[in-house]
Each structure stands twice: as structure tokens, then as C-alpha cells.
Amino acid sequence: MAKTSSFSPSISSGPTKLNPTPFSHPPLMTHRQLYGLAALLWLIAGVNVLRIGLVNWPSETNILVSILWLIGSLAFFAGFIFPRVVQRNLTALGQRAEGTLRWYQCFTPSSWIIMAGMITLGITLRALDLVPHSFITGFYTGLGLSLMLSTYPYLRLLFRPNR
């Protein structure tokens, strides 16, 4: 006895075209939108890091050491590190054509990697209690302020008049 199947393929009148979902590719963005996104990301990171530092100040017993960490980290990151990173990101973004920009291109790939590394290191240092309380208080306050100051070049480009 032959086994019969209840499956009956439908016959179409031509090749099937796949309809991509609206989320198959990230949406295209303008340079200005990416300046705004980058500024927002720097600001969010800065506020979160600053908050970690600020909540520790009331219980800080070694104020002088915390202030030195704050000044040192602010000078180092706002003076040397982040201006270079911002300039590298802005240069890379400016070299890209307007009709091809995706949200993740507001930073260079190396900047995304550095960000992930800094977040991982910060969480690890705090979770394993590898640094003194005065370091967290001062260093995180200075780092948070530096991150927030790094929004300025992006905001300047975002709000400049159209040329």
C-alpha cells in the first residue's frame, strides 16, 4: 500500500521575492544625527560615571587623596585622552558619505572597543574591591566630568548653522 502525504505544495506563478523586515538593516542617519547621538552617548556615560563618584563623597574619609585623584583624572582624560578620541571619531565620521551612515558609525570601531574595555575594567575594579574608596570617589568624579566635557565638540557641530 502506498503511503500518501497530506502535503501539497502550492504552485506559484514566478520566483518568490523575500520581503525584508523593517529591521533588517539599521536606518540611515545624517552627520548631524550622529553628532547628536555621539554627544548623547558621551553624556550618558559621563553622568553615570560621575554619579558613581559623587555618591561616595559623603562617606569619604580621605578627602585630600580623593581631590588629587579628581584633579589628576580630569586633567589626564579631559586634557590628553578624550580630545584625541573625539577628534579621531569626528574625522572618521566626516570622511563618510551622507547617504551611508549608520548609528554605530558615530564612533570608530576602536572607540567602541575602548569603551567596552573601560566599562569592564571599572566594573571589575569595583566588584572585586581592588582599589581604595578614595580612588573611586575622586577618579570617577574626574572621569565623569571629562566624559561630559567631551560632548562639546559634537554639540558645536550639531548646532552650527547650515552652510
Foldseek 3Di string as FASTA:
>chain_A
DDDDDPDDDDDDPDDDDDDDDPVPDADADFLLVLLVLLLVVLLVVLVVLLVQQVVLVVVDPCQVLLQVLQVVLLCPLLPPNLVVQQVVLVVQSVVDDGRPHGNVSSGDPVVVVVVVVVVVVVVVCVVVVVDDSSNSNRNSNSNSVSSNVSSVVSVCVNPDDDD
